[in-house]
Amino acid sequence: MADPEQVVCQWLADDPNLADWHVSLDVPAKRPDRLITVERTGGDETRFVAHAMLAIQIWAPTRNEAMDTARQIVLPRLHDVNQLDEAGALSVNSVYNFPDPGPPMRPRCQIVAQITTET
């Protein structure tokens, strides 16, 4: 069974363009300046497939860096996840500014996507 969160998290972590980013399923206690998290927020599962709704959050020192990283690196990488045997279609529902209220407030954006994986 392929865990959709883990599949996407590892796919992003393996991207050389994100080598300077901490990619994780959890927010570390000491949050790095550049952080990407992947969290399953919903979806359904059958005996054969999972349709998982994911929130991919990108923290950066500035709002522009968070959004640029989302649009220029993370989104193209997500659209290629179907290169993996265990991953099927991925659709992006939204990309938006989503500041972390803190304290202290931190620039962050969020991508909401749905992925189909084997179960």
C-alpha atoms as a PDB file:
ATOM      1  CA  MET A   1       0.000   0.000   0.000  1.00  0.00           C
ATOM      2  CA  ALA A   2       1.310   3.422  -0.948  1.00  0.00           C
ATOM      3  CA  ASP A   3       0.752   6.173   1.624  1.00  0.00           C
ATOM      4  CA  PRO A   4      -0.179   9.243  -0.471  1.00  0.00           C
ATOM      5  CA  GLU A   5       1.436  11.660   2.008  1.00  0.00           C
ATOM      6  CA  GLN A   6       4.692   9.721   2.024  1.00  0.00           C
ATOM      7  CA  VAL A   7       4.717   9.314  -1.768  1.00  0.00           C
ATOM      8  CA  VAL A   8       4.397  13.068  -2.368  1.00  0.00           C
ATOM      9  CA  CYS A   9       6.724  14.029   0.492  1.00  0.00           C
ATOM     10  CA  GLN A  10       9.499  11.759  -0.769  1.00  0.00           C
ATOM     11  CA  TRP A  11       8.919  12.866  -4.385  1.00  0.00           C
ATOM     12  CA  LEU A  12       9.436  16.500  -3.355  1.00  0.00           C
ATOM     13  CA  ALA A  13      12.400  15.684  -1.084  1.00  0.00           C
ATOM     14  CA  ASP A  14      14.136  13.912  -3.990  1.00  0.00           C
ATOM     15  CA  ASP A  15      13.980  17.009  -6.218  1.00  0.00           C
ATOM     16  CA  PRO A  16      17.489  18.543  -6.479  1.00  0.00           C
ATOM     17  CA  ASN A  17      15.848  21.973  -6.886  1.00  0.00           C
ATOM     18  CA  LEU A  18      14.589  21.629  -3.307  1.00  0.00           C
ATOM     19  CA  ALA A  19      17.926  20.536  -1.811  1.00  0.00           C
ATOM     20  CA  ASP A  20      18.035  23.644   0.411  1.00  0.00           C
ATOM     21  CA  TRP A  21      14.527  22.977   1.726  1.00  0.00           C
ATOM     22  CA  HIS A  22      13.447  20.787   4.636  1.00  0.00           C
ATOM     23  CA  VAL A  23      10.620  18.570   3.301  1.00  0.00           C
ATOM     24  CA  SER A  24       8.625  16.709   5.927  1.00  0.00           C
ATOM     25  CA  LEU A  25       5.276  15.297   7.008  1.00  0.00           C
ATOM     26  CA  ASP A  26       5.545  17.269  10.263  1.00  0.00           C
ATOM     27  CA  VAL A  27       6.560  20.749  11.326  1.00  0.00           C
ATOM     28  CA  PRO A  28       9.757  20.381  13.378  1.00  0.00           C
ATOM     29  CA  ALA A  29       9.862  21.923  16.863  1.00  0.00           C
ATOM     30  CA  LYS A  30      12.555  24.315  15.601  1.00  0.00           C
ATOM     31  CA  ARG A  31      11.108  25.317  12.246  1.00  0.00           C
ATOM     32  CA  PRO A  32      13.719  25.990   9.537  1.00  0.00           C
ATOM     33  CA  ASP A  33      13.471  29.135   7.393  1.00  0.00           C
ATOM     34  CA  ARG A  34      12.616  27.073   4.311  1.00  0.00           C
ATOM     35  CA  LEU A  35      10.144  24.288   4.989  1.00  0.00           C
ATOM     36  CA  ILE A  36       7.690  22.251   2.937  1.00  0.00           C
ATOM     37  CA  THR A  37       5.133  20.018   4.639  1.00  0.00           C
ATOM     38  CA  VAL A  38       2.732  17.498   3.160  1.00  0.00           C
ATOM     39  CA  GLU A  39      -0.446  16.641   5.068  1.00  0.00           C
ATOM     40  CA  ARG A  40      -3.438  14.539   4.112  1.00  0.00           C
ATOM     41  CA  THR A  41      -6.582  16.531   4.817  1.00  0.00           C
ATOM     42  CA  GLY A  42      -9.227  14.209   3.392  1.00  0.00           C
ATOM     43  CA  GLY A  43     -10.201  11.950   0.548  1.00  0.00           C
ATOM     44  CA  ASP A  44     -11.469   8.415   0.242  1.00  0.00           C
ATOM     45  CA  GLU A  45     -10.054   4.916  -0.113  1.00  0.00           C
ATOM     46  CA  THR A  46     -11.328   1.757  -1.716  1.00  0.00           C
ATOM     47  CA  ARG A  47      -9.786  -1.686  -1.771  1.00  0.00           C
ATOM     48  CA  PHE A  48      -7.661  -0.715  -4.744  1.00  0.00           C
ATOM     49  CA  VAL A  49      -7.083   3.052  -4.816  1.00  0.00           C
ATOM     50  CA  ALA A  50      -6.866   6.095  -2.567  1.00  0.00           C
ATOM     51  CA  HIS A  51      -8.007   9.543  -3.650  1.00  0.00           C
ATOM     52  CA  ALA A  52      -6.203  11.690  -1.106  1.00  0.00           C
ATOM     53  CA  MET A  53      -6.665  15.419  -0.630  1.00  0.00           C
ATOM     54  CA  LEU A  54      -3.318  16.932   0.370  1.00  0.00           C
ATOM     55  CA  ALA A  55      -2.223  20.291   1.752  1.00  0.00           C
ATOM     56  CA  ILE A  56       1.320  21.141   0.706  1.00  0.00           C
ATOM     57  CA  GLN A  57       2.551  24.136   2.703  1.00  0.00           C
ATOM     58  CA  ILE A  58       5.618  26.159   1.770  1.00  0.00           C
ATOM     59  CA  TRP A  59       7.232  28.374   4.444  1.00  0.00           C
ATOM     60  CA  ALA A  60       9.917  30.859   3.373  1.00  0.00           C
ATOM     61  CA  PRO A  61      11.556  34.055   4.629  1.00  0.00           C
ATOM     62  CA  THR A  62       9.314  36.132   2.302  1.00  0.00           C
ATOM     63  CA  ARG A  63       5.873  35.777   0.773  1.00  0.00           C
ATOM     64  CA  ASN A  64       7.384  36.138  -2.715  1.00  0.00           C
ATOM     65  CA  GLU A  65       9.863  33.321  -2.125  1.00  0.00           C
ATOM     66  CA  ALA A  66       7.110  31.043  -0.820  1.00  0.00           C
ATOM     67  CA  MET A  67       4.861  31.708  -3.835  1.00  0.00           C
ATOM     68  CA  ASP A  68       7.705  31.576  -6.367  1.00  0.00           C
ATOM     69  CA  THR A  69       8.876  28.246  -4.961  1.00  0.00           C
ATOM     70  CA  ALA A  70       5.322  26.917  -5.077  1.00  0.00           C
ATOM     71  CA  ARG A  71       4.709  27.996  -8.662  1.00  0.00           C
ATOM     72  CA  GLN A  72       8.129  27.456 -10.214  1.00  0.00           C
ATOM     73  CA  ILE A  73       9.383  24.321  -8.432  1.00  0.00           C
ATOM     74  CA  VAL A  74       6.741  22.529  -6.363  1.00  0.00           C
ATOM     75  CA  LEU A  75       3.851  22.653  -8.864  1.00  0.00           C
ATOM     76  CA  PRO A  76       5.861  21.319 -11.833  1.00  0.00           C
ATOM     77  CA  ARG A  77       7.268  18.574  -9.596  1.00  0.00           C
ATOM     78  CA  LEU A  78       3.779  17.622  -8.381  1.00  0.00           C
ATOM     79  CA  HIS A  79       2.505  17.382 -11.947  1.00  0.00           C
ATOM     80  CA  ASP A  80       5.258  14.822 -12.678  1.00  0.00           C
ATOM     81  CA  VAL A  81       4.497  12.547  -9.693  1.00  0.00           C
ATOM     82  CA  ASN A  82       2.668  10.139 -12.015  1.00  0.00           C
ATOM     83  CA  GLN A  83       6.126   9.004 -13.173  1.00  0.00           C
ATOM     84  CA  LEU A  84       6.090   6.848 -10.037  1.00  0.00           C
ATOM     85  CA  ASP A  85       4.511   3.410 -10.405  1.00  0.00           C
ATOM     86  CA  GLU A  86       2.409   3.824  -7.249  1.00  0.00           C
ATOM     87  CA  ALA A  87       1.043   7.267  -8.188  1.00  0.00           C
ATOM     88  CA  GLY A  88      -1.679   8.055 -10.668  1.00  0.00           C
ATOM     89  CA  ALA A  89      -3.366  11.308 -11.529  1.00  0.00           C
ATOM     90  CA  LEU A  90      -2.736  14.456  -9.521  1.00  0.00           C
ATOM     91  CA  SER A  91      -4.868  17.567  -9.818  1.00  0.00           C
ATOM     92  CA  VAL A  92      -4.199  20.906  -8.165  1.00  0.00           C
ATOM     93  CA  ASN A  93      -7.290  22.551  -6.697  1.00  0.00           C
ATOM     94  CA  SER A  94      -5.726  25.794  -5.482  1.00  0.00           C
ATOM     95  CA  VAL A  95      -2.570  27.738  -4.697  1.00  0.00           C
ATOM     96  CA  TYR A  96      -2.871  30.636  -2.273  1.00  0.00           C
ATOM     97  CA  ASN A  97      -1.162  32.820   0.298  1.00  0.00           C
ATOM     98  CA  PHE A  98      -1.667  31.273   3.754  1.00  0.00           C
ATOM     99  CA  PRO A  99       0.466  33.144   6.335  1.00  0.00           C
ATOM    100  CA  ASP A 100       1.305  31.261   9.514  1.00  0.00           C
ATOM    101  CA  PRO A 101      -0.218  33.402  12.296  1.00  0.00           C
ATOM    102  CA  GLY A 102       2.643  32.462  14.619  1.00  0.00           C
ATOM    103  CA  PRO A 103       3.752  33.959  16.823  1.00  0.00           C
ATOM    104  CA  PRO A 104       5.722  35.231  15.106  1.00  0.00           C
ATOM    105  CA  MET A 105       3.820  35.476  11.846  1.00  0.00           C
ATOM    106  CA  ARG A 106       5.677  33.671   9.027  1.00  0.00           C
ATOM    107  CA  PRO A 107       5.185  33.848   5.244  1.00  0.00           C
ATOM    108  CA  ARG A 108       3.627  30.655   3.919  1.00  0.00           C
ATOM    109  CA  CYS A 109       1.556  29.543   0.978  1.00  0.00           C
ATOM    110  CA  GLN A 110      -0.510  26.425   0.454  1.00  0.00           C
ATOM    111  CA  ILE A 111      -1.206  24.126  -2.458  1.00  0.00           C
ATOM    112  CA  VAL A 112      -4.285  21.917  -2.223  1.00  0.00           C
ATOM    113  CA  ALA A 113      -4.061  18.882  -4.486  1.00  0.00           C
ATOM    114  CA  GLN A 114      -5.719  15.510  -4.944  1.00  0.00           C
ATOM    115  CA  ILE A 115      -3.679  12.445  -5.834  1.00  0.00           C
ATOM    116  CA  THR A 116      -4.696   8.922  -6.745  1.00  0.00           C
ATOM    117  CA  THR A 117      -2.462   6.126  -5.453  1.00  0.00           C
ATOM    118  CA  GLU A 118      -2.664   2.359  -5.136  1.00  0.00           C
ATOM    119  CA  THR A 119      -3.842   0.930  -1.828  1.00  0.00           C
END
